[in-house]
Each structure stands twice: as structure tokens, then as C-alpha cells.
Amino acid sequence: MTLWWIGNLLFLGVVVPVVLVLLNNVWKPVAQIGQEADRILAGGVTIAAQLDMLGGLIPTRDAIRKIGAGVGQYGAALDKIL
């Protein structure tokens, strides 16, 4: 029975602190991974917000084509006048 108690004390004095140190060493990188994941998510949300504005590119393209055609007609008219 005495050996049993000595074994329990050794377990509590040696094994448990070693396990706690190892868990602490694992927990630090896990916490950093969580922080980095949050930063990546914030960046993704920012990119998604920027992509929402791409819908305005098609009307802008069409307007630029119309303006380009008008500029061409204006240039042709100037050639006739001059």
C-alpha cells in the first residue's frame, strides 16, 4: 500500500506537471492559429465587399463605348468643318 501512495505522489509530482507544460506548449500555437484565421476572415470579407462593386463595370463599359462612338462622330464632324 505504501508503494501505491509513492506511485501516486510521483504521478502527481512528475507526470501531471509535464502534461500541463506540454498542453501549454500546444495551446499557444492553437491560439495564434485562431487569431490568424480571424485576420484571414476579415480580409475575405473586405475582398467580398470589393467584388460587390464589380456589378457596376458593365454599365460603365457600355457608357464608355457610347462616349467613344460620340467622340468619333465629333472628330468626323470636325474633319468636315476644317
C-alpha atoms as a PDB file:
ATOM      1  CA  MET A   1       0.000   0.000   0.000  1.00  0.00           C
ATOM      2  CA  THR A   2       2.906   2.329   0.707  1.00  0.00           C
ATOM      3  CA  LEU A   3       4.252   1.777  -2.800  1.00  0.00           C
ATOM      4  CA  TRP A   4       0.822   2.680  -4.128  1.00  0.00           C
ATOM      5  CA  TRP A   5       0.947   6.057  -2.371  1.00  0.00           C
ATOM      6  CA  ILE A   6       4.511   6.667  -3.510  1.00  0.00           C
ATOM      7  CA  GLY A   7       3.447   5.931  -7.087  1.00  0.00           C
ATOM      8  CA  ASN A   8       0.510   8.326  -6.760  1.00  0.00           C
ATOM      9  CA  LEU A   9       2.777  11.079  -5.417  1.00  0.00           C
ATOM     10  CA  LEU A  10       5.270  10.527  -8.235  1.00  0.00           C
ATOM     11  CA  PHE A  11       2.406  10.645 -10.720  1.00  0.00           C
ATOM     12  CA  LEU A  12       1.120  13.916  -9.279  1.00  0.00           C
ATOM     13  CA  GLY A  13       4.585  15.397  -8.898  1.00  0.00           C
ATOM     14  CA  VAL A  14       6.099  14.404 -12.240  1.00  0.00           C
ATOM     15  CA  VAL A  15       3.571  13.292 -14.839  1.00  0.00           C
ATOM     16  CA  VAL A  16       0.864  15.882 -14.253  1.00  0.00           C
ATOM     17  CA  PRO A  17       3.223  18.925 -14.492  1.00  0.00           C
ATOM     18  CA  VAL A  18       4.843  17.510 -17.634  1.00  0.00           C
ATOM     19  CA  VAL A  19       1.433  17.043 -19.236  1.00  0.00           C
ATOM     20  CA  LEU A  20       0.424  20.583 -18.251  1.00  0.00           C
ATOM     21  CA  VAL A  21       3.613  22.032 -19.762  1.00  0.00           C
ATOM     22  CA  LEU A  22       3.029  20.113 -22.992  1.00  0.00           C
ATOM     23  CA  LEU A  23      -0.589  21.262 -23.157  1.00  0.00           C
ATOM     24  CA  ASN A  24       0.533  24.844 -22.631  1.00  0.00           C
ATOM     25  CA  ASN A  25       3.057  24.500 -25.467  1.00  0.00           C
ATOM     26  CA  VAL A  26       0.321  23.193 -27.758  1.00  0.00           C
ATOM     27  CA  TRP A  27      -2.233  25.805 -26.692  1.00  0.00           C
ATOM     28  CA  LYS A  28      -0.087  28.813 -27.700  1.00  0.00           C
ATOM     29  CA  PRO A  29       0.098  27.906 -31.424  1.00  0.00           C
ATOM     30  CA  VAL A  30      -3.576  26.950 -31.431  1.00  0.00           C
ATOM     31  CA  ALA A  31      -4.477  30.395 -30.106  1.00  0.00           C
ATOM     32  CA  GLN A  32      -2.262  32.029 -32.738  1.00  0.00           C
ATOM     33  CA  ILE A  33      -3.930  29.965 -35.455  1.00  0.00           C
ATOM     34  CA  GLY A  34      -7.289  31.268 -34.252  1.00  0.00           C
ATOM     35  CA  GLN A  35      -6.073  34.865 -34.447  1.00  0.00           C
ATOM     36  CA  GLU A  36      -4.671  34.349 -37.935  1.00  0.00           C
ATOM     37  CA  ALA A  37      -7.916  32.708 -39.045  1.00  0.00           C
ATOM     38  CA  ASP A  38      -9.818  35.763 -37.819  1.00  0.00           C
ATOM     39  CA  ARG A  39      -7.489  38.039 -39.804  1.00  0.00           C
ATOM     40  CA  ILE A  40      -7.954  35.918 -42.929  1.00  0.00           C
ATOM     41  CA  LEU A  41     -11.721  36.062 -42.479  1.00  0.00           C
ATOM     42  CA  ALA A  42     -11.611  39.856 -42.151  1.00  0.00           C
ATOM     43  CA  GLY A  43      -9.571  40.061 -45.356  1.00  0.00           C
ATOM     44  CA  GLY A  44     -12.010  37.786 -47.149  1.00  0.00           C
ATOM     45  CA  VAL A  45     -14.940  39.939 -46.081  1.00  0.00           C
ATOM     46  CA  THR A  46     -13.130  43.015 -47.390  1.00  0.00           C
ATOM     47  CA  ILE A  47     -12.477  41.313 -50.729  1.00  0.00           C
ATOM     48  CA  ALA A  48     -16.107  40.196 -50.961  1.00  0.00           C
ATOM     49  CA  ALA A  49     -17.247  43.771 -50.348  1.00  0.00           C
ATOM     50  CA  GLN A  50     -14.970  44.955 -53.157  1.00  0.00           C
ATOM     51  CA  LEU A  51     -16.345  42.287 -55.508  1.00  0.00           C
ATOM     52  CA  ASP A  52     -19.874  43.564 -54.932  1.00  0.00           C
ATOM     53  CA  MET A  53     -18.899  46.752 -56.744  1.00  0.00           C
ATOM     54  CA  LEU A  54     -17.958  44.834 -59.909  1.00  0.00           C
ATOM     55  CA  GLY A  55     -21.599  44.872 -60.973  1.00  0.00           C
ATOM     56  CA  GLY A  56     -21.151  48.499 -61.982  1.00  0.00           C
ATOM     57  CA  LEU A  57     -18.475  47.648 -64.536  1.00  0.00           C
ATOM     58  CA  ILE A  58     -20.866  46.503 -67.263  1.00  0.00           C
ATOM     59  CA  PRO A  59     -22.911  49.737 -67.371  1.00  0.00           C
ATOM     60  CA  THR A  60     -19.653  51.691 -67.221  1.00  0.00           C
ATOM     61  CA  ARG A  61     -18.259  49.703 -70.165  1.00  0.00           C
ATOM     62  CA  ASP A  62     -21.399  50.369 -72.196  1.00  0.00           C
ATOM     63  CA  ALA A  63     -21.281  54.082 -71.378  1.00  0.00           C
ATOM     64  CA  ILE A  64     -17.632  54.287 -72.429  1.00  0.00           C
ATOM     65  CA  ARG A  65     -18.465  52.620 -75.751  1.00  0.00           C
ATOM     66  CA  LYS A  66     -21.241  55.161 -76.375  1.00  0.00           C
ATOM     67  CA  ILE A  67     -18.948  58.036 -75.444  1.00  0.00           C
ATOM     68  CA  GLY A  68     -16.229  56.647 -77.714  1.00  0.00           C
ATOM     69  CA  ALA A  69     -18.679  56.459 -80.604  1.00  0.00           C
ATOM     70  CA  GLY A  70     -19.759  60.045 -79.908  1.00  0.00           C
ATOM     71  CA  VAL A  71     -16.157  61.230 -79.835  1.00  0.00           C
ATOM     72  CA  GLY A  72     -15.575  59.513 -83.170  1.00  0.00           C
ATOM     73  CA  GLN A  73     -18.593  61.229 -84.696  1.00  0.00           C
ATOM     74  CA  TYR A  74     -17.428  64.553 -83.261  1.00  0.00           C
ATOM     75  CA  GLY A  75     -13.996  64.074 -84.774  1.00  0.00           C
ATOM     76  CA  ALA A  76     -15.526  63.221 -88.166  1.00  0.00           C
ATOM     77  CA  ALA A  77     -17.670  66.363 -87.978  1.00  0.00           C
ATOM     78  CA  LEU A  78     -14.606  68.471 -87.169  1.00  0.00           C
ATOM     79  CA  ASP A  79     -12.800  66.996 -90.174  1.00  0.00           C
ATOM     80  CA  LYS A  80     -15.678  68.109 -92.432  1.00  0.00           C
ATOM     81  CA  ILE A  81     -15.703  71.602 -90.948  1.00  0.00           C
ATOM     82  CA  LEU A  82     -11.945  72.132 -91.092  1.00  0.00           C
END
